[in-house]
Amino acid sequence: MSLTSRLRVILRSKSNRALTRIEDPREALDDSYEQQVKSLQQVRLGLAEVATARKRIELQGQDMGGRYQRLADQAQEALNQGREDLARTALERRSLLEGQVAAIRDQYLALAQQQAQLQDNERRLAERVAAFRTEKETIKATYAASEARVKANEAASGIGSQLGTVGADLDRAKDRVTQMQARAAATDELLSSGALNDVTAPLDADLERQLSAGATRAAVDRQLQTMKEARATDRGPGPNARGGTDAWLSIGEGPPLP
């Protein structure tokens, strides 16, 4: 794989990861859950406000009820004392209070009905939020497991695709080793033939090499002549022939050079 191709793969991988983070469904689920929780909090806040208003009217009604009873007692006491005028005043105030109590009672009943409705809404919304939270966590866990599986598969796929590159690298390395070995062998032959000068060799090494080659040729000529003479006189297979398992000891032996 060329450098350009590798850079293209890296950039594509980074852009895919960025898009994955943007489109991550887990973040969308968390955002939706937070919105639902906020809605539930608003419902509970409204429920608390309605309950507070209802309680305030209830206390006010209790005060009015106490006053209503006191006015009745005062009217009776004034009548017992012969103060019909005071009794009439107490009854007039009591009659006026009845209208106020009726109005407060209507408000109280309306608030009680609103509170009951809000409580029912709060209960159902809380159940939906709890159910959504359970489903959200389940989906997130499933997504995380799937994501881990995808990463593992991609890693395994990447390893598989890299094996071809590794094999190609090994083949190239083997080719280089073979070329280097062949080059070394060729230079050895050139040095031995004298075609190349060995700068590390001692002085007059070329003369020694030529003399050695001439001595080898002379020895081969003598052995060949000895074999011909032995064949002519039927004396055996060749010079210095030695039977038995120690025949190899005769290799290299021969008559001294002249």
C-alpha atoms as a PDB file:
ATOM      1  CA  MET A   1       0.000   0.000   0.000  1.00  0.00           C
ATOM      2  CA  SER A   2       1.432   3.361  -1.034  1.00  0.00           C
ATOM      3  CA  LEU A   3       1.830   6.313   1.305  1.00  0.00           C
ATOM      4  CA  THR A   4      -0.994   8.192  -0.428  1.00  0.00           C
ATOM      5  CA  SER A   5      -3.364   5.264  -0.020  1.00  0.00           C
ATOM      6  CA  ARG A   6      -2.478   4.943   3.647  1.00  0.00           C
ATOM      7  CA  LEU A   7      -3.088   8.650   4.232  1.00  0.00           C
ATOM      8  CA  ARG A   8      -6.422   8.384   2.438  1.00  0.00           C
ATOM      9  CA  VAL A   9      -7.446   5.454   4.645  1.00  0.00           C
ATOM     10  CA  ILE A  10      -6.387   7.302   7.816  1.00  0.00           C
ATOM     11  CA  LEU A  11      -8.314  10.459   6.859  1.00  0.00           C
ATOM     12  CA  ARG A  12     -11.397   8.460   5.933  1.00  0.00           C
ATOM     13  CA  SER A  13     -11.209   6.585   9.242  1.00  0.00           C
ATOM     14  CA  LYS A  14     -10.927   9.811  11.231  1.00  0.00           C
ATOM     15  CA  SER A  15     -13.848  11.402   9.385  1.00  0.00           C
ATOM     16  CA  ASN A  16     -15.963   8.304   9.955  1.00  0.00           C
ATOM     17  CA  ARG A  17     -15.187   8.398  13.669  1.00  0.00           C
ATOM     18  CA  ALA A  18     -16.145  12.084  13.817  1.00  0.00           C
ATOM     19  CA  LEU A  19     -19.459  11.402  12.072  1.00  0.00           C
ATOM     20  CA  THR A  20     -20.068   8.461  14.361  1.00  0.00           C
ATOM     21  CA  ARG A  21     -19.631  10.680  17.406  1.00  0.00           C
ATOM     22  CA  ILE A  22     -22.043  13.242  15.933  1.00  0.00           C
ATOM     23  CA  GLU A  23     -24.639  10.595  15.053  1.00  0.00           C
ATOM     24  CA  ASP A  24     -24.136   8.535  18.194  1.00  0.00           C
ATOM     25  CA  PRO A  25     -27.659   7.348  19.155  1.00  0.00           C
ATOM     26  CA  ARG A  26     -26.612   7.096  22.780  1.00  0.00           C
ATOM     27  CA  GLU A  27     -26.162  10.849  22.983  1.00  0.00           C
ATOM     28  CA  ALA A  28     -29.551  11.372  21.315  1.00  0.00           C
ATOM     29  CA  LEU A  29     -31.179   9.036  23.837  1.00  0.00           C
ATOM     30  CA  ASP A  30     -29.526  10.833  26.742  1.00  0.00           C
ATOM     31  CA  ASP A  31     -30.705  14.197  25.403  1.00  0.00           C
ATOM     32  CA  SER A  32     -34.260  12.906  25.011  1.00  0.00           C
ATOM     33  CA  TYR A  33     -34.172  11.487  28.520  1.00  0.00           C
ATOM     34  CA  GLU A  34     -32.952  14.793  29.939  1.00  0.00           C
ATOM     35  CA  GLN A  35     -35.814  16.611  28.188  1.00  0.00           C
ATOM     36  CA  GLN A  36     -38.326  14.189  29.647  1.00  0.00           C
ATOM     37  CA  VAL A  37     -36.828  14.597  33.109  1.00  0.00           C
ATOM     38  CA  LYS A  38     -37.099  18.379  32.745  1.00  0.00           C
ATOM     39  CA  SER A  39     -40.753  18.032  31.717  1.00  0.00           C
ATOM     40  CA  LEU A  40     -41.393  15.838  34.723  1.00  0.00           C
ATOM     41  CA  GLN A  41     -39.733  18.400  36.967  1.00  0.00           C
ATOM     42  CA  GLN A  42     -41.953  21.141  35.514  1.00  0.00           C
ATOM     43  CA  VAL A  43     -45.066  19.054  36.162  1.00  0.00           C
ATOM     44  CA  ARG A  44     -43.961  18.424  39.718  1.00  0.00           C
ATOM     45  CA  LEU A  45     -43.240  22.121  40.197  1.00  0.00           C
ATOM     46  CA  GLY A  46     -46.712  23.012  38.928  1.00  0.00           C
ATOM     47  CA  LEU A  47     -48.204  20.345  41.172  1.00  0.00           C
ATOM     48  CA  ALA A  48     -46.402  21.813  44.168  1.00  0.00           C
ATOM     49  CA  GLU A  49     -47.668  25.318  43.335  1.00  0.00           C
ATOM     50  CA  VAL A  50     -51.278  24.133  42.976  1.00  0.00           C
ATOM     51  CA  ALA A  51     -51.037  22.152  46.200  1.00  0.00           C
ATOM     52  CA  THR A  52     -49.646  25.209  47.978  1.00  0.00           C
ATOM     53  CA  ALA A  53     -52.483  27.429  46.679  1.00  0.00           C
ATOM     54  CA  ARG A  54     -55.060  24.837  47.680  1.00  0.00           C
ATOM     55  CA  LYS A  55     -53.581  24.596  51.158  1.00  0.00           C
ATOM     56  CA  ARG A  56     -53.605  28.373  51.502  1.00  0.00           C
ATOM     57  CA  ILE A  57     -57.305  28.536  50.576  1.00  0.00           C
ATOM     58  CA  GLU A  58     -58.001  25.653  52.904  1.00  0.00           C
ATOM     59  CA  LEU A  59     -56.454  27.515  55.831  1.00  0.00           C
ATOM     60  CA  GLN A  60     -58.346  30.659  54.844  1.00  0.00           C
ATOM     61  CA  GLY A  61     -61.587  28.666  54.726  1.00  0.00           C
ATOM     62  CA  GLN A  62     -60.878  27.211  58.134  1.00  0.00           C
ATOM     63  CA  ASP A  63     -60.433  30.717  59.519  1.00  0.00           C
ATOM     64  CA  MET A  64     -63.702  31.792  57.887  1.00  0.00           C
ATOM     65  CA  GLY A  65     -65.453  28.746  59.282  1.00  0.00           C
ATOM     66  CA  GLY A  66     -64.240  29.600  62.753  1.00  0.00           C
ATOM     67  CA  ARG A  67     -65.425  33.173  62.385  1.00  0.00           C
ATOM     68  CA  TYR A  68     -68.779  31.978  61.039  1.00  0.00           C
ATOM     69  CA  GLN A  69     -69.288  29.934  64.128  1.00  0.00           C
ATOM     70  CA  ARG A  70     -68.208  32.755  66.420  1.00  0.00           C
ATOM     71  CA  LEU A  71     -70.694  35.145  64.790  1.00  0.00           C
ATOM     72  CA  ALA A  72     -73.473  32.631  65.406  1.00  0.00           C
ATOM     73  CA  ASP A  73     -72.430  32.378  69.072  1.00  0.00           C
ATOM     74  CA  GLN A  74     -72.219  36.186  69.334  1.00  0.00           C
ATOM     75  CA  ALA A  75     -75.702  36.607  67.847  1.00  0.00           C
ATOM     76  CA  GLN A  76     -77.097  34.140  70.353  1.00  0.00           C
ATOM     77  CA  GLU A  77     -75.311  35.832  73.243  1.00  0.00           C
ATOM     78  CA  ALA A  78     -76.524  39.300  72.171  1.00  0.00           C
ATOM     79  CA  LEU A  79     -80.084  37.986  71.924  1.00  0.00           C
ATOM     80  CA  ASN A  80     -79.779  36.466  75.372  1.00  0.00           C
ATOM     81  CA  GLN A  81     -78.671  39.867  76.693  1.00  0.00           C
ATOM     82  CA  GLY A  82     -81.571  41.637  75.010  1.00  0.00           C
ATOM     83  CA  ARG A  83     -79.274  43.318  72.475  1.00  0.00           C
ATOM     84  CA  GLU A  84     -81.241  42.609  69.369  1.00  0.00           C
ATOM     85  CA  ASP A  85     -79.280  45.221  67.465  1.00  0.00           C
ATOM     86  CA  LEU A  86     -75.991  43.413  68.169  1.00  0.00           C
ATOM     87  CA  ALA A  87     -77.577  40.114  67.309  1.00  0.00           C
ATOM     88  CA  ARG A  88     -78.762  41.549  63.960  1.00  0.00           C
ATOM     89  CA  THR A  89     -75.267  42.923  63.212  1.00  0.00           C
ATOM     90  CA  ALA A  90     -73.690  39.536  63.956  1.00  0.00           C
ATOM     91  CA  LEU A  91     -76.169  37.751  61.719  1.00  0.00           C
ATOM     92  CA  GLU A  92     -75.638  40.256  58.910  1.00  0.00           C
ATOM     93  CA  ARG A  93     -71.891  39.725  59.044  1.00  0.00           C
ATOM     94  CA  ARG A  94     -72.473  35.983  59.195  1.00  0.00           C
ATOM     95  CA  SER A  95     -74.663  36.138  56.102  1.00  0.00           C
ATOM     96  CA  LEU A  96     -72.015  38.143  54.252  1.00  0.00           C
ATOM     97  CA  LEU A  97     -69.387  35.614  55.313  1.00  0.00           C
ATOM     98  CA  GLU A  98     -71.413  32.789  53.863  1.00  0.00           C
ATOM     99  CA  GLY A  99     -71.017  34.229  50.365  1.00  0.00           C
ATOM    100  CA  GLN A 100     -67.239  34.568  50.851  1.00  0.00           C
ATOM    101  CA  VAL A 101     -66.969  31.024  52.150  1.00  0.00           C
ATOM    102  CA  ALA A 102     -68.958  29.731  49.147  1.00  0.00           C
ATOM    103  CA  ALA A 103     -66.572  31.511  46.741  1.00  0.00           C
ATOM    104  CA  ILE A 104     -63.516  30.148  48.546  1.00  0.00           C
ATOM    105  CA  ARG A 105     -65.062  26.683  48.566  1.00  0.00           C
ATOM    106  CA  ASP A 106     -65.451  26.815  44.791  1.00  0.00           C
ATOM    107  CA  GLN A 107     -61.797  27.842  44.397  1.00  0.00           C
ATOM    108  CA  TYR A 108     -60.717  25.108  46.771  1.00  0.00           C
ATOM    109  CA  LEU A 109     -62.637  22.442  44.857  1.00  0.00           C
ATOM    110  CA  ALA A 110     -61.247  23.676  41.529  1.00  0.00           C
ATOM    111  CA  LEU A 111     -57.682  23.596  42.874  1.00  0.00           C
ATOM    112  CA  ALA A 112     -58.257  20.169  44.377  1.00  0.00           C
ATOM    113  CA  GLN A 113     -59.438  18.940  40.974  1.00  0.00           C
ATOM    114  CA  GLN A 114     -56.381  20.483  39.277  1.00  0.00           C
ATOM    115  CA  GLN A 115     -54.100  18.925  41.867  1.00  0.00           C
ATOM    116  CA  ALA A 116     -55.639  15.504  41.304  1.00  0.00           C
ATOM    117  CA  GLN A 117     -55.238  15.868  37.551  1.00  0.00           C
ATOM    118  CA  LEU A 118     -51.626  17.012  37.909  1.00  0.00           C
ATOM    119  CA  GLN A 119     -50.890  14.137  40.266  1.00  0.00           C
ATOM    120  CA  ASP A 120     -52.265  11.705  37.705  1.00  0.00           C
ATOM    121  CA  ASN A 121     -50.215  13.347  34.947  1.00  0.00           C
ATOM    122  CA  GLU A 122     -47.114  13.313  37.115  1.00  0.00           C
ATOM    123  CA  ARG A 123     -47.582   9.623  37.890  1.00  0.00           C
ATOM    124  CA  ARG A 124     -48.043   8.631  34.250  1.00  0.00           C
ATOM    125  CA  LEU A 125     -45.157  10.828  33.094  1.00  0.00           C
ATOM    126  CA  ALA A 126     -42.908   9.424  35.805  1.00  0.00           C
ATOM    127  CA  GLU A 127     -43.789   5.911  34.664  1.00  0.00           C
ATOM    128  CA  ARG A 128     -43.026   6.804  31.049  1.00  0.00           C
ATOM    129  CA  VAL A 129     -39.721   8.402  32.039  1.00  0.00           C
ATOM    130  CA  ALA A 130     -38.762   5.339  34.077  1.00  0.00           C
ATOM    131  CA  ALA A 131     -39.717   3.024  31.208  1.00  0.00           C
ATOM    132  CA  PHE A 132     -37.797   5.195  28.731  1.00  0.00           C
ATOM    133  CA  ARG A 133     -34.763   5.155  31.002  1.00  0.00           C
ATOM    134  CA  THR A 134     -34.819   1.353  31.164  1.00  0.00           C
ATOM    135  CA  GLU A 135     -35.198   1.072  27.403  1.00  0.00           C
ATOM    136  CA  LYS A 136     -32.525   3.728  26.871  1.00  0.00           C
ATOM    137  CA  GLU A 137     -29.999   1.867  28.974  1.00  0.00           C
ATOM    138  CA  THR A 138     -30.853  -1.367  27.208  1.00  0.00           C
ATOM    139  CA  ILE A 139     -30.361   0.237  23.794  1.00  0.00           C
ATOM    140  CA  LYS A 140     -27.108   1.857  24.915  1.00  0.00           C
ATOM    141  CA  ALA A 141     -25.798  -1.456  26.222  1.00  0.00           C
ATOM    142  CA  THR A 142     -26.770  -3.191  22.972  1.00  0.00           C
ATOM    143  CA  TYR A 143     -25.171  -0.411  20.935  1.00  0.00           C
ATOM    144  CA  ALA A 144     -21.982  -0.572  22.996  1.00  0.00           C
ATOM    145  CA  ALA A 145     -21.787  -4.341  22.529  1.00  0.00           C
ATOM    146  CA  SER A 146     -22.396  -3.992  18.785  1.00  0.00           C
ATOM    147  CA  GLU A 147     -19.807  -1.222  18.564  1.00  0.00           C
ATOM    148  CA  ALA A 148     -17.258  -3.375  20.361  1.00  0.00           C
ATOM    149  CA  ARG A 149     -18.042  -6.236  18.003  1.00  0.00           C
ATOM    150  CA  VAL A 150     -17.634  -3.982  14.960  1.00  0.00           C
ATOM    151  CA  LYS A 151     -14.289  -2.714  16.248  1.00  0.00           C
ATOM    152  CA  ALA A 152     -13.117  -6.265  16.891  1.00  0.00           C
ATOM    153  CA  ASN A 153     -14.212  -7.347  13.404  1.00  0.00           C
ATOM    154  CA  GLU A 154     -12.568  -4.309  11.835  1.00  0.00           C
ATOM    155  CA  ALA A 155      -9.384  -5.024  13.756  1.00  0.00           C
ATOM    156  CA  ALA A 156      -9.468  -8.640  12.592  1.00  0.00           C
ATOM    157  CA  SER A 157     -10.146  -7.475   9.027  1.00  0.00           C
ATOM    158  CA  GLY A 158      -7.275  -5.036   9.273  1.00  0.00           C
ATOM    159  CA  ILE A 159      -4.950  -7.814  10.427  1.00  0.00           C
ATOM    160  CA  GLY A 160      -6.114  -9.978   7.551  1.00  0.00           C
ATOM    161  CA  SER A 161      -5.518  -7.225   5.021  1.00  0.00           C
ATOM    162  CA  GLN A 162      -2.081  -6.543   6.481  1.00  0.00           C
ATOM    163  CA  LEU A 163      -1.033 -10.166   6.059  1.00  0.00           C
ATOM    164  CA  GLY A 164      -0.757  -9.631   2.301  1.00  0.00           C
ATOM    165  CA  THR A 165       1.518  -6.651   2.857  1.00  0.00           C
ATOM    166  CA  VAL A 166       3.587  -8.613   5.363  1.00  0.00           C
ATOM    167  CA  GLY A 167       3.917 -11.487   2.884  1.00  0.00           C
ATOM    168  CA  ALA A 168       4.994  -9.078   0.155  1.00  0.00           C
ATOM    169  CA  ASP A 169       7.599  -7.557   2.497  1.00  0.00           C
ATOM    170  CA  LEU A 170       8.947 -11.034   3.252  1.00  0.00           C
ATOM    171  CA  ASP A 171       9.146 -11.879  -0.443  1.00  0.00           C
ATOM    172  CA  ARG A 172      11.012  -8.647  -1.169  1.00  0.00           C
ATOM    173  CA  ALA A 173      13.400  -9.328   1.703  1.00  0.00           C
ATOM    174  CA  LYS A 174      14.050 -12.850   0.417  1.00  0.00           C
ATOM    175  CA  ASP A 175      14.712 -11.493  -3.079  1.00  0.00           C
ATOM    176  CA  ARG A 176      17.185  -8.965  -1.697  1.00  0.00           C
ATOM    177  CA  VAL A 177      18.970 -11.687   0.281  1.00  0.00           C
ATOM    178  CA  THR A 178      19.169 -13.914  -2.820  1.00  0.00           C
ATOM    179  CA  GLN A 179      20.503 -11.019  -4.909  1.00  0.00           C
ATOM    180  CA  MET A 180      23.073 -10.173  -2.264  1.00  0.00           C
ATOM    181  CA  GLN A 181      24.200 -13.791  -2.006  1.00  0.00           C
ATOM    182  CA  ALA A 182      24.543 -14.019  -5.767  1.00  0.00           C
ATOM    183  CA  ARG A 183      26.492 -10.773  -5.843  1.00  0.00           C
ATOM    184  CA  ALA A 184      28.798 -12.010  -3.090  1.00  0.00           C
ATOM    185  CA  ALA A 185      29.428 -15.267  -4.949  1.00  0.00           C
ATOM    186  CA  ALA A 186      30.098 -13.365  -8.179  1.00  0.00           C
ATOM    187  CA  THR A 187      32.599 -11.048  -6.519  1.00  0.00           C
ATOM    188  CA  ASP A 188      34.307 -14.044  -4.931  1.00  0.00           C
ATOM    189  CA  GLU A 189      34.753 -15.589  -8.388  1.00  0.00           C
ATOM    190  CA  LEU A 190      36.017 -12.314  -9.801  1.00  0.00           C
ATOM    191  CA  LEU A 191      38.514 -11.966  -6.982  1.00  0.00           C
ATOM    192  CA  SER A 192      39.648 -15.566  -7.436  1.00  0.00           C
ATOM    193  CA  SER A 193      40.089 -15.117 -11.202  1.00  0.00           C
ATOM    194  CA  GLY A 194      41.954 -11.871 -10.730  1.00  0.00           C
ATOM    195  CA  ALA A 195      39.403  -9.820 -12.589  1.00  0.00           C
ATOM    196  CA  LEU A 196      39.029  -7.736  -9.414  1.00  0.00           C
ATOM    197  CA  ASN A 197      41.898  -6.586  -7.273  1.00  0.00           C
ATOM    198  CA  ASP A 198      41.567  -7.396  -3.593  1.00  0.00           C
ATOM    199  CA  VAL A 199      42.898  -4.288  -1.871  1.00  0.00           C
ATOM    200  CA  THR A 200      43.197  -6.249   1.368  1.00  0.00           C
ATOM    201  CA  ALA A 201      45.340  -9.002  -0.159  1.00  0.00           C
ATOM    202  CA  PRO A 202      49.131  -8.963   0.498  1.00  0.00           C
ATOM    203  CA  LEU A 203      51.582  -7.820  -2.134  1.00  0.00           C
ATOM    204  CA  ASP A 204      52.359 -10.314  -4.982  1.00  0.00           C
ATOM    205  CA  ALA A 205      49.262 -12.323  -4.063  1.00  0.00           C
ATOM    206  CA  ASP A 206      48.432 -12.571  -7.756  1.00  0.00           C
ATOM    207  CA  LEU A 207      51.721 -14.380  -8.395  1.00  0.00           C
ATOM    208  CA  GLU A 208      51.043 -16.818  -5.588  1.00  0.00           C
ATOM    209  CA  ARG A 209      47.593 -17.489  -6.973  1.00  0.00           C
ATOM    210  CA  GLN A 210      48.946 -18.168 -10.492  1.00  0.00           C
ATOM    211  CA  LEU A 211      51.714 -20.440  -9.142  1.00  0.00           C
ATOM    212  CA  SER A 212      49.191 -22.366  -7.116  1.00  0.00           C
ATOM    213  CA  ALA A 213      46.962 -22.798 -10.149  1.00  0.00           C
ATOM    214  CA  GLY A 214      49.978 -24.038 -12.202  1.00  0.00           C
ATOM    215  CA  ALA A 215      50.954 -26.545  -9.477  1.00  0.00           C
ATOM    216  CA  THR A 216      47.399 -27.856  -9.428  1.00  0.00           C
ATOM    217  CA  ARG A 217      47.433 -28.353 -13.196  1.00  0.00           C
ATOM    218  CA  ALA A 218      50.801 -30.142 -13.009  1.00  0.00           C
ATOM    219  CA  ALA A 219      49.524 -32.479 -10.303  1.00  0.00           C
ATOM    220  CA  VAL A 220      46.432 -33.291 -12.363  1.00  0.00           C
ATOM    221  CA  ASP A 221      48.613 -33.990 -15.421  1.00  0.00           C
ATOM    222  CA  ARG A 222      50.821 -36.387 -13.396  1.00  0.00           C
ATOM    223  CA  GLN A 223      47.828 -38.240 -12.003  1.00  0.00           C
ATOM    224  CA  LEU A 224      46.332 -38.532 -15.482  1.00  0.00           C
ATOM    225  CA  GLN A 225      49.613 -39.922 -16.860  1.00  0.00           C
ATOM    226  CA  THR A 226      49.848 -42.424 -14.007  1.00  0.00           C
ATOM    227  CA  MET A 227      46.264 -43.611 -14.698  1.00  0.00           C
ATOM    228  CA  LYS A 228      47.123 -44.114 -18.375  1.00  0.00           C
ATOM    229  CA  GLU A 229      50.239 -46.151 -17.537  1.00  0.00           C
ATOM    230  CA  ALA A 230      48.345 -48.254 -15.023  1.00  0.00           C
ATOM    231  CA  ARG A 231      45.641 -48.986 -17.570  1.00  0.00           C
ATOM    232  CA  ALA A 232      48.248 -49.978 -20.105  1.00  0.00           C
ATOM    233  CA  THR A 233      49.871 -52.477 -17.734  1.00  0.00           C
ATOM    234  CA  ASP A 234      46.578 -53.504 -16.022  1.00  0.00           C
ATOM    235  CA  ARG A 235      47.855 -52.568 -12.570  1.00  0.00           C
ATOM    236  CA  GLY A 236      44.649 -51.186 -11.117  1.00  0.00           C
ATOM    237  CA  PRO A 237      42.050 -48.438 -11.283  1.00  0.00           C
ATOM    238  CA  GLY A 238      44.353 -45.544 -10.671  1.00  0.00           C
ATOM    239  CA  PRO A 239      47.205 -43.998  -8.751  1.00  0.00           C
ATOM    240  CA  ASN A 240      47.392 -44.235  -4.990  1.00  0.00           C
ATOM    241  CA  ALA A 241      44.309 -46.497  -4.989  1.00  0.00           C
ATOM    242  CA  ARG A 242      43.640 -47.853  -1.566  1.00  0.00           C
ATOM    243  CA  GLY A 243      40.811 -50.187  -0.603  1.00  0.00           C
ATOM    244  CA  GLY A 244      38.880 -50.425   2.601  1.00  0.00           C
ATOM    245  CA  THR A 245      37.148 -47.894   4.741  1.00  0.00           C
ATOM    246  CA  ASP A 246      40.279 -45.719   4.993  1.00  0.00           C
ATOM    247  CA  ALA A 247      40.408 -45.042   1.295  1.00  0.00           C
ATOM    248  CA  TRP A 248      39.583 -41.419   1.936  1.00  0.00           C
ATOM    249  CA  LEU A 249      42.946 -41.039   3.647  1.00  0.00           C
ATOM    250  CA  SER A 250      44.622 -41.242   0.293  1.00  0.00           C
ATOM    251  CA  ILE A 251      42.803 -38.212  -1.037  1.00  0.00           C
ATOM    252  CA  GLY A 252      45.295 -35.491  -1.770  1.00  0.00           C
ATOM    253  CA  GLU A 253      48.312 -37.779  -1.538  1.00  0.00           C
ATOM    254  CA  GLY A 254      50.645 -38.066  -4.489  1.00  0.00           C
ATOM    255  CA  PRO A 255      54.205 -37.847  -5.515  1.00  0.00           C
ATOM    256  CA  PRO A 256      56.069 -34.732  -4.447  1.00  0.00           C
ATOM    257  CA  LEU A 257      56.236 -31.905  -6.834  1.00  0.00           C
ATOM    258  CA  PRO A 258      59.461 -31.746  -8.872  1.00  0.00           C
END
